[in-house]
Amino acid sequence: MAKITSFNFGFIVVDGKQYVHDIVILPDGTVKEREPGRGRLGSHSITGGEIEHMQTTQPDVILVGTGVSGMAKLAEEAQHYLQEPDSNLEAMLSIKAVQRFNQLVGEGKRVAALFHITC
């Protein structure tokens, strides 16, 4: 599984590789750019489709890093995922999500995560 070794405004380092755009990490350790075409800064709206895609990978936990200042938000159609009784979705500032990601991976959990790396 992937490990995040560094995070700061505008970049994230996963398994020694630096990314300068929003990323998605899947439970098998695959790291990919968040919905290519959203630009380096990424969208401030996390869609239901993005959450749904991560759910298809059958993670124990889905993490969403909402940016350094929390400017990225779950879109209206994604809000219901937080309210489901058996929800495995957690959304928080990206720095907290990085810490939580490494903690969960260290515990052997299957984690899918989306990180907004700017504001």
Foldseek 3Di string as FASTA:
>chain_A
DWAWDDADAQWTAIPRDIDRAKWKAFLVGDIDHDPPPQDSQGDLEDELVNVVVNVVSVFQAEEEANEQVNSRDYPPNNVVLVVDPSRRYDYDHQVVSNVVVNVCVVVVTRYIYIHRRHD
